[in-house]
């Protein structure tokens, strides 16, 4: 592989990562139109890697691209939220049943550290930090299982939902504390080896999250 090909690949990956970050941080809001030229200028690169990044983001549902309307930032629809929670419940229930009571000391310490940081984020009102810790909490169990495909799917779901999760925390600050408490219950059941209780706690947690995400849109 030549250096030129490698550099092109790195530029495409950087453009993808940066633009996705802009969208996740609401620097570009749902419904806002994007310009390849302006994005290229902001990133300090040609339009070619930007175009490639936008095509990838379109596939992942972050933007919509059409010859008539151009490039627009997409919001997550009610149906997408409901569908994603169904997928998460199915995947995460399988994961918790598989790992309950089987975590080693290092994995246990990782879970406890995450919960400790969640408690701190809830106390200080760190919305972005809480959203990131929430994602890490759920994906960590998938990583403990060691199924790379489940981890990949979970990461994609979490990235797409990041914006709306932060919005819930912004609108309902009390959710920071209740989410932490629900996570604590899930974790304790996993550590106790009680798979049924872990799954029941997970289902209650996800249903609560789903309702909070959907209710402002009704």
C-alpha atoms as a PDB file:
ATOM      1  CA  UNK A   1       0.000   0.000   0.000  1.00  0.00           C
ATOM      2  CA  UNK A   2       1.457   3.359  -1.015  1.00  0.00           C
ATOM      3  CA  UNK A   3       1.766   6.346   1.277  1.00  0.00           C
ATOM      4  CA  UNK A   4      -0.701   8.272  -0.906  1.00  0.00           C
ATOM      5  CA  UNK A   5      -3.369   5.599  -0.504  1.00  0.00           C
ATOM      6  CA  UNK A   6      -2.746   5.476   3.246  1.00  0.00           C
ATOM      7  CA  UNK A   7      -3.010   9.260   3.535  1.00  0.00           C
ATOM      8  CA  UNK A   8      -6.311   9.262   1.623  1.00  0.00           C
ATOM      9  CA  UNK A   9      -7.696   6.621   3.961  1.00  0.00           C
ATOM     10  CA  UNK A  10      -6.633   8.619   7.018  1.00  0.00           C
ATOM     11  CA  UNK A  11      -8.234  11.770   5.628  1.00  0.00           C
ATOM     12  CA  UNK A  12     -11.517   9.952   4.973  1.00  0.00           C
ATOM     13  CA  UNK A  13     -11.505   8.516   8.497  1.00  0.00           C
ATOM     14  CA  UNK A  14     -10.688  11.890  10.026  1.00  0.00           C
ATOM     15  CA  UNK A  15     -13.434  13.624   8.024  1.00  0.00           C
ATOM     16  CA  UNK A  16     -15.941  10.964   9.083  1.00  0.00           C
ATOM     17  CA  UNK A  17     -14.971  11.146  12.756  1.00  0.00           C
ATOM     18  CA  UNK A  18     -14.923  14.953  12.897  1.00  0.00           C
ATOM     19  CA  UNK A  19     -18.231  15.497  11.098  1.00  0.00           C
ATOM     20  CA  UNK A  20     -19.966  12.834  13.174  1.00  0.00           C
ATOM     21  CA  UNK A  21     -18.624  14.556  16.276  1.00  0.00           C
ATOM     22  CA  UNK A  22     -20.020  17.909  15.128  1.00  0.00           C
ATOM     23  CA  UNK A  23     -23.460  16.306  14.717  1.00  0.00           C
ATOM     24  CA  UNK A  24     -23.340  14.438  18.026  1.00  0.00           C
ATOM     25  CA  UNK A  25     -22.384  17.627  19.868  1.00  0.00           C
ATOM     26  CA  UNK A  26     -25.252  19.485  18.148  1.00  0.00           C
ATOM     27  CA  UNK A  27     -22.864  21.864  16.407  1.00  0.00           C
ATOM     28  CA  UNK A  28     -25.044  21.053  13.409  1.00  0.00           C
ATOM     29  CA  UNK A  29     -28.679  20.645  14.453  1.00  0.00           C
ATOM     30  CA  UNK A  30     -31.335  18.336  12.969  1.00  0.00           C
ATOM     31  CA  UNK A  31     -32.764  19.905   9.828  1.00  0.00           C
ATOM     32  CA  UNK A  32     -29.660  22.008   9.188  1.00  0.00           C
ATOM     33  CA  UNK A  33     -28.136  21.887   5.725  1.00  0.00           C
ATOM     34  CA  UNK A  34     -24.457  21.043   5.277  1.00  0.00           C
ATOM     35  CA  UNK A  35     -22.072  22.249   2.603  1.00  0.00           C
ATOM     36  CA  UNK A  36     -19.266  20.015   1.374  1.00  0.00           C
ATOM     37  CA  UNK A  37     -17.228  23.107   0.573  1.00  0.00           C
ATOM     38  CA  UNK A  38     -17.674  24.646   4.042  1.00  0.00           C
ATOM     39  CA  UNK A  39     -16.945  21.360   5.783  1.00  0.00           C
ATOM     40  CA  UNK A  40     -13.818  20.884   3.679  1.00  0.00           C
ATOM     41  CA  UNK A  41     -12.693  24.396   4.582  1.00  0.00           C
ATOM     42  CA  UNK A  42     -13.346  23.809   8.284  1.00  0.00           C
ATOM     43  CA  UNK A  43     -11.417  20.540   8.211  1.00  0.00           C
ATOM     44  CA  UNK A  44      -8.617  21.891   6.068  1.00  0.00           C
ATOM     45  CA  UNK A  45      -8.918  19.266   3.347  1.00  0.00           C
ATOM     46  CA  UNK A  46     -10.362  18.746  -0.129  1.00  0.00           C
ATOM     47  CA  UNK A  47     -14.020  17.879  -0.759  1.00  0.00           C
ATOM     48  CA  UNK A  48     -13.185  14.274  -1.753  1.00  0.00           C
ATOM     49  CA  UNK A  49     -12.739  12.827   1.781  1.00  0.00           C
ATOM     50  CA  UNK A  50     -15.650  14.967   3.003  1.00  0.00           C
ATOM     51  CA  UNK A  51     -17.918  13.522   0.316  1.00  0.00           C
ATOM     52  CA  UNK A  52     -16.834   9.997   1.301  1.00  0.00           C
ATOM     53  CA  UNK A  53     -17.499  10.748   4.977  1.00  0.00           C
ATOM     54  CA  UNK A  54     -20.987  12.117   4.231  1.00  0.00           C
ATOM     55  CA  UNK A  55     -21.842   9.015   2.203  1.00  0.00           C
ATOM     56  CA  UNK A  56     -20.858   6.860   5.176  1.00  0.00           C
ATOM     57  CA  UNK A  57     -22.838   9.043   7.582  1.00  0.00           C
ATOM     58  CA  UNK A  58     -25.859   8.770   5.290  1.00  0.00           C
ATOM     59  CA  UNK A  59     -25.719   4.968   5.504  1.00  0.00           C
ATOM     60  CA  UNK A  60     -25.537   5.222   9.302  1.00  0.00           C
ATOM     61  CA  UNK A  61     -28.523   7.579   9.431  1.00  0.00           C
ATOM     62  CA  UNK A  62     -26.802  10.775  10.595  1.00  0.00           C
ATOM     63  CA  UNK A  63     -27.515  12.754   7.408  1.00  0.00           C
ATOM     64  CA  UNK A  64     -29.820  12.559   4.395  1.00  0.00           C
ATOM     65  CA  UNK A  65     -28.451  13.316   0.956  1.00  0.00           C
ATOM     66  CA  UNK A  66     -30.558  14.049  -2.116  1.00  0.00           C
ATOM     67  CA  UNK A  67     -29.819  15.784  -5.447  1.00  0.00           C
ATOM     68  CA  UNK A  68     -32.829  18.072  -4.938  1.00  0.00           C
ATOM     69  CA  UNK A  69     -32.434  19.107  -1.288  1.00  0.00           C
ATOM     70  CA  UNK A  70     -28.719  18.616  -0.684  1.00  0.00           C
ATOM     71  CA  UNK A  71     -27.254  17.363   2.594  1.00  0.00           C
ATOM     72  CA  UNK A  72     -29.317  17.739   5.753  1.00  0.00           C
ATOM     73  CA  UNK A  73     -28.721  16.571   9.317  1.00  0.00           C
ATOM     74  CA  UNK A  74     -31.250  13.909  10.295  1.00  0.00           C
ATOM     75  CA  UNK A  75     -32.942  13.572  13.660  1.00  0.00           C
ATOM     76  CA  UNK A  76     -33.738  10.184  15.156  1.00  0.00           C
ATOM     77  CA  UNK A  77     -37.406   9.337  14.534  1.00  0.00           C
ATOM     78  CA  UNK A  78     -39.855   7.885  17.038  1.00  0.00           C
ATOM     79  CA  UNK A  79     -39.886   4.596  15.153  1.00  0.00           C
ATOM     80  CA  UNK A  80     -36.097   4.433  15.105  1.00  0.00           C
ATOM     81  CA  UNK A  81     -35.935   5.007  18.863  1.00  0.00           C
ATOM     82  CA  UNK A  82     -38.492   2.264  19.521  1.00  0.00           C
ATOM     83  CA  UNK A  83     -36.729  -0.146  17.144  1.00  0.00           C
ATOM     84  CA  UNK A  84     -33.337   0.499  18.656  1.00  0.00           C
ATOM     85  CA  UNK A  85     -34.565  -0.147  22.178  1.00  0.00           C
ATOM     86  CA  UNK A  86     -36.039  -3.465  21.060  1.00  0.00           C
ATOM     87  CA  UNK A  87     -32.681  -4.450  19.568  1.00  0.00           C
ATOM     88  CA  UNK A  88     -30.829  -3.332  22.682  1.00  0.00           C
ATOM     89  CA  UNK A  89     -33.131  -5.266  24.997  1.00  0.00           C
ATOM     90  CA  UNK A  90     -32.664  -8.454  22.992  1.00  0.00           C
ATOM     91  CA  UNK A  91     -28.873  -8.122  22.753  1.00  0.00           C
ATOM     92  CA  UNK A  92     -28.204  -6.890  26.274  1.00  0.00           C
ATOM     93  CA  UNK A  93     -30.497  -9.476  27.871  1.00  0.00           C
ATOM     94  CA  UNK A  94     -28.496 -12.211  26.137  1.00  0.00           C
ATOM     95  CA  UNK A  95     -25.250 -10.607  27.285  1.00  0.00           C
ATOM     96  CA  UNK A  96     -26.304 -10.281  30.935  1.00  0.00           C
ATOM     97  CA  UNK A  97     -27.567 -13.864  31.071  1.00  0.00           C
ATOM     98  CA  UNK A  98     -24.235 -15.010  29.647  1.00  0.00           C
ATOM     99  CA  UNK A  99     -21.926 -13.118  32.002  1.00  0.00           C
ATOM    100  CA  UNK A 100     -23.890 -12.927  35.283  1.00  0.00           C
ATOM    101  CA  UNK A 101     -21.683 -14.206  38.104  1.00  0.00           C
ATOM    102  CA  UNK A 102     -18.704 -14.683  35.778  1.00  0.00           C
ATOM    103  CA  UNK A 103     -16.855 -11.372  35.927  1.00  0.00           C
ATOM    104  CA  UNK A 104     -13.228 -11.484  37.021  1.00  0.00           C
ATOM    105  CA  UNK A 105     -11.742  -9.053  39.544  1.00  0.00           C
ATOM    106  CA  UNK A 106     -10.521  -6.636  36.874  1.00  0.00           C
ATOM    107  CA  UNK A 107     -13.921  -6.508  35.162  1.00  0.00           C
ATOM    108  CA  UNK A 108     -15.662  -6.051  38.500  1.00  0.00           C
ATOM    109  CA  UNK A 109     -13.348  -3.151  39.334  1.00  0.00           C
ATOM    110  CA  UNK A 110     -14.106  -1.573  35.933  1.00  0.00           C
ATOM    111  CA  UNK A 111     -17.854  -1.734  36.586  1.00  0.00           C
ATOM    112  CA  UNK A 112     -17.488  -0.245  40.065  1.00  0.00           C
ATOM    113  CA  UNK A 113     -15.254   2.547  38.763  1.00  0.00           C
ATOM    114  CA  UNK A 114     -17.794   3.422  36.076  1.00  0.00           C
ATOM    115  CA  UNK A 115     -20.590   3.564  38.653  1.00  0.00           C
ATOM    116  CA  UNK A 116     -18.499   5.758  40.927  1.00  0.00           C
ATOM    117  CA  UNK A 117     -17.893   8.177  38.055  1.00  0.00           C
ATOM    118  CA  UNK A 118     -21.607   8.108  37.164  1.00  0.00           C
ATOM    119  CA  UNK A 119     -22.463   9.111  40.728  1.00  0.00           C
ATOM    120  CA  UNK A 120     -20.016  12.016  40.487  1.00  0.00           C
ATOM    121  CA  UNK A 121     -21.425  13.124  37.107  1.00  0.00           C
ATOM    122  CA  UNK A 122     -24.975  13.038  38.498  1.00  0.00           C
ATOM    123  CA  UNK A 123     -23.922  15.122  41.488  1.00  0.00           C
ATOM    124  CA  UNK A 124     -22.075  17.754  39.427  1.00  0.00           C
ATOM    125  CA  UNK A 125     -24.578  17.797  36.541  1.00  0.00           C
ATOM    126  CA  UNK A 126     -22.000  16.743  33.961  1.00  0.00           C
ATOM    127  CA  UNK A 127     -24.407  15.944  31.111  1.00  0.00           C
ATOM    128  CA  UNK A 128     -21.869  15.020  28.434  1.00  0.00           C
ATOM    129  CA  UNK A 129     -19.848  12.977  30.903  1.00  0.00           C
ATOM    130  CA  UNK A 130     -22.965  11.159  32.111  1.00  0.00           C
ATOM    131  CA  UNK A 131     -23.974  10.287  28.539  1.00  0.00           C
ATOM    132  CA  UNK A 132     -20.511   8.908  27.806  1.00  0.00           C
ATOM    133  CA  UNK A 133     -20.433   6.893  31.048  1.00  0.00           C
ATOM    134  CA  UNK A 134     -23.901   5.545  30.271  1.00  0.00           C
ATOM    135  CA  UNK A 135     -22.619   4.283  26.924  1.00  0.00           C
ATOM    136  CA  UNK A 136     -19.505   2.766  28.489  1.00  0.00           C
ATOM    137  CA  UNK A 137     -21.563   1.013  31.165  1.00  0.00           C
ATOM    138  CA  UNK A 138     -23.729  -0.833  28.662  1.00  0.00           C
ATOM    139  CA  UNK A 139     -21.009  -1.617  26.134  1.00  0.00           C
ATOM    140  CA  UNK A 140     -18.583  -2.851  28.805  1.00  0.00           C
ATOM    141  CA  UNK A 141     -20.737  -5.915  29.500  1.00  0.00           C
ATOM    142  CA  UNK A 142     -20.740  -6.712  25.781  1.00  0.00           C
ATOM    143  CA  UNK A 143     -16.963  -6.401  25.765  1.00  0.00           C
ATOM    144  CA  UNK A 144     -16.708  -8.742  28.752  1.00  0.00           C
ATOM    145  CA  UNK A 145     -18.650 -11.362  26.780  1.00  0.00           C
ATOM    146  CA  UNK A 146     -16.117 -11.038  23.971  1.00  0.00           C
ATOM    147  CA  UNK A 147     -18.572 -11.092  21.063  1.00  0.00           C
ATOM    148  CA  UNK A 148     -17.170  -8.526  18.642  1.00  0.00           C
ATOM    149  CA  UNK A 149     -20.300  -8.333  16.493  1.00  0.00           C
ATOM    150  CA  UNK A 150     -22.480  -7.527  19.490  1.00  0.00           C
ATOM    151  CA  UNK A 151     -19.988  -4.843  20.532  1.00  0.00           C
ATOM    152  CA  UNK A 152     -20.003  -3.389  17.013  1.00  0.00           C
ATOM    153  CA  UNK A 153     -23.799  -3.219  16.835  1.00  0.00           C
ATOM    154  CA  UNK A 154     -24.050  -1.738  20.334  1.00  0.00           C
ATOM    155  CA  UNK A 155     -21.512   0.958  19.521  1.00  0.00           C
ATOM    156  CA  UNK A 156     -23.417   1.927  16.376  1.00  0.00           C
ATOM    157  CA  UNK A 157     -26.688   2.136  18.296  1.00  0.00           C
ATOM    158  CA  UNK A 158     -25.157   4.178  21.085  1.00  0.00           C
ATOM    159  CA  UNK A 159     -23.476   6.632  18.718  1.00  0.00           C
ATOM    160  CA  UNK A 160     -26.706   7.267  16.861  1.00  0.00           C
ATOM    161  CA  UNK A 161     -28.639   7.770  20.119  1.00  0.00           C
ATOM    162  CA  UNK A 162     -26.041   9.982  21.793  1.00  0.00           C
ATOM    163  CA  UNK A 163     -27.687  13.275  20.833  1.00  0.00           C
ATOM    164  CA  UNK A 164     -31.139  12.363  22.120  1.00  0.00           C
ATOM    165  CA  UNK A 165     -29.743  10.888  25.349  1.00  0.00           C
ATOM    166  CA  UNK A 166     -27.967  14.180  26.082  1.00  0.00           C
ATOM    167  CA  UNK A 167     -31.194  16.065  25.338  1.00  0.00           C
ATOM    168  CA  UNK A 168     -33.064  13.976  27.922  1.00  0.00           C
ATOM    169  CA  UNK A 169     -30.405  14.751  30.526  1.00  0.00           C
ATOM    170  CA  UNK A 170     -30.671  18.458  29.605  1.00  0.00           C
ATOM    171  CA  UNK A 171     -34.468  18.499  29.959  1.00  0.00           C
ATOM    172  CA  UNK A 172     -34.684  16.177  32.968  1.00  0.00           C
ATOM    173  CA  UNK A 173     -31.632  16.596  35.206  1.00  0.00           C
ATOM    174  CA  UNK A 174     -33.135  14.165  37.719  1.00  0.00           C
ATOM    175  CA  UNK A 175     -32.619  11.423  35.135  1.00  0.00           C
ATOM    176  CA  UNK A 176     -28.892  11.556  35.864  1.00  0.00           C
ATOM    177  CA  UNK A 177     -29.483  10.216  39.371  1.00  0.00           C
ATOM    178  CA  UNK A 178     -32.235   7.729  38.518  1.00  0.00           C
ATOM    179  CA  UNK A 179     -30.196   6.311  35.630  1.00  0.00           C
ATOM    180  CA  UNK A 180     -27.218   5.832  37.939  1.00  0.00           C
ATOM    181  CA  UNK A 181     -29.411   4.025  40.474  1.00  0.00           C
ATOM    182  CA  UNK A 182     -30.858   1.744  37.792  1.00  0.00           C
ATOM    183  CA  UNK A 183     -27.362   0.967  36.518  1.00  0.00           C
ATOM    184  CA  UNK A 184     -26.310   0.125  40.065  1.00  0.00           C
ATOM    185  CA  UNK A 185     -29.156  -2.376  40.360  1.00  0.00           C
ATOM    186  CA  UNK A 186     -28.232  -4.025  37.055  1.00  0.00           C
ATOM    187  CA  UNK A 187     -24.574  -4.235  38.028  1.00  0.00           C
ATOM    188  CA  UNK A 188     -25.266  -5.669  41.456  1.00  0.00           C
ATOM    189  CA  UNK A 189     -27.471  -8.392  40.002  1.00  0.00           C
ATOM    190  CA  UNK A 190     -24.731  -9.297  37.503  1.00  0.00           C
ATOM    191  CA  UNK A 191     -22.105  -9.411  40.255  1.00  0.00           C
ATOM    192  CA  UNK A 192     -24.428 -11.518  42.429  1.00  0.00           C
ATOM    193  CA  UNK A 193     -24.869 -13.984  39.562  1.00  0.00           C
ATOM    194  CA  UNK A 194     -28.637 -13.373  39.449  1.00  0.00           C
ATOM    195  CA  UNK A 195     -29.257 -13.327  35.695  1.00  0.00           C
ATOM    196  CA  UNK A 196     -33.049 -13.095  35.963  1.00  0.00           C
ATOM    197  CA  UNK A 197     -32.874 -10.052  38.255  1.00  0.00           C
ATOM    198  CA  UNK A 198     -30.244  -8.443  36.021  1.00  0.00           C
ATOM    199  CA  UNK A 199     -32.435  -8.826  32.934  1.00  0.00           C
ATOM    200  CA  UNK A 200     -35.555  -7.603  34.767  1.00  0.00           C
ATOM    201  CA  UNK A 201     -33.640  -4.522  35.981  1.00  0.00           C
ATOM    202  CA  UNK A 202     -32.306  -3.929  32.471  1.00  0.00           C
ATOM    203  CA  UNK A 203     -35.789  -4.124  30.949  1.00  0.00           C
ATOM    204  CA  UNK A 204     -37.148  -1.634  33.486  1.00  0.00           C
ATOM    205  CA  UNK A 205     -34.194   0.681  32.845  1.00  0.00           C
ATOM    206  CA  UNK A 206     -34.516   0.583  29.050  1.00  0.00           C
ATOM    207  CA  UNK A 207     -38.291   1.043  29.148  1.00  0.00           C
ATOM    208  CA  UNK A 208     -37.880   4.098  31.345  1.00  0.00           C
ATOM    209  CA  UNK A 209     -35.249   5.514  29.003  1.00  0.00           C
ATOM    210  CA  UNK A 210     -37.411   4.859  25.966  1.00  0.00           C
ATOM    211  CA  UNK A 211     -40.421   6.618  27.446  1.00  0.00           C
ATOM    212  CA  UNK A 212     -38.321   9.651  28.381  1.00  0.00           C
ATOM    213  CA  UNK A 213     -36.897   9.845  24.875  1.00  0.00           C
ATOM    214  CA  UNK A 214     -40.291   9.532  23.220  1.00  0.00           C
ATOM    215  CA  UNK A 215     -42.417  11.689  25.514  1.00  0.00           C
ATOM    216  CA  UNK A 216     -41.054  15.127  24.473  1.00  0.00           C
ATOM    217  CA  UNK A 217     -41.833  14.268  20.851  1.00  0.00           C
ATOM    218  CA  UNK A 218     -45.486  13.403  21.244  1.00  0.00           C
END
